[in-house]
Amino acid sequence: MRHIGVAVPLALVAAALFPAPLRADPIAMGWPQPGGPGTTVLITYSYSNLLDGSLRLIPEGSLRDATVEALSVWAMFAPLRFVELRDSGPPPSEAPYDGGTSPQIRIGHHPMTDLAHSFFPAAPDGRAGDVHFDTGIPWTLGSNHWNLLEVLAHELGHALGLGHIADEPAIMNPFFPQARFAGLGTGFLLPADVRALQALYGAGIGSVHPLDPIPEPATLLLVGAGLAALARRRASARWLTRGD
């Protein structure tokens, strides 16, 4: 699933990426869950080239923190166990590749015509789950439309198998009038996101396991901030009307 921005209509181009059955129903195409809904789903992730210094406005440590937070907002509501691995595989591009033993979600950047895009788990090659950012965007973690944390949280929803939610407030909504995340520690999901996630994986609490673990107090603060933001945004979010 791709999108062309965060302040403008987001284009659905699954038709160009997937065969007809997935175009008809991009939902319910999550990662394998052998034990059924509500049981643990192991999902590996890596930084393909996100940390190579090209996104100069965000230090490496902050990029790692943003990734852990973006994964955590999803893991708070479903039994998703995200485990970081050392990256393997080709540099990010639109070219299909054999995933082999590569991590399931590889996060990186390359020059492209949209701000960011990601691939559903059902993509028929190694790109499944991969998240790409446009190298040319001045990504930051501030309150603006180039907020990498917010865009990453949205794209990870697609990488988990969720489509756009266009008829009510959601992080997966393809429109929003202004940046909703204000920096590290402010990530959240909205009720529509949670319902869509739990419809796919069941309810539960997951975890994030980076190779360089975040100290427990920081993790607790992150989770608490996300839950507090969720409660606030239920009442305060303002949204644009649905477009084409």
Foldseek 3Di string as FASTA:
>chain_A
DFFFFAADFGDDDVVVQDDDVCVVPLALQFADDPVAFQDADEAEEEAQCAQVCLLVQAHNVQVVLLLQLLVQQLQAWGAYAYEYDYADDDHDDPDFAALVPGGQEYEEEEADNGQKAAADLPRPHNRQLYIYGHSPDNADCAWFRNNPSLVSSLRNLRSRRDAADPPDDWSSHRHANTRDGGGRLQAETEPVSSVSSCVNRNTDHYHYHYPPDDDPVVVVSSVVNHVVNRVVCNPDGDGDHGDD
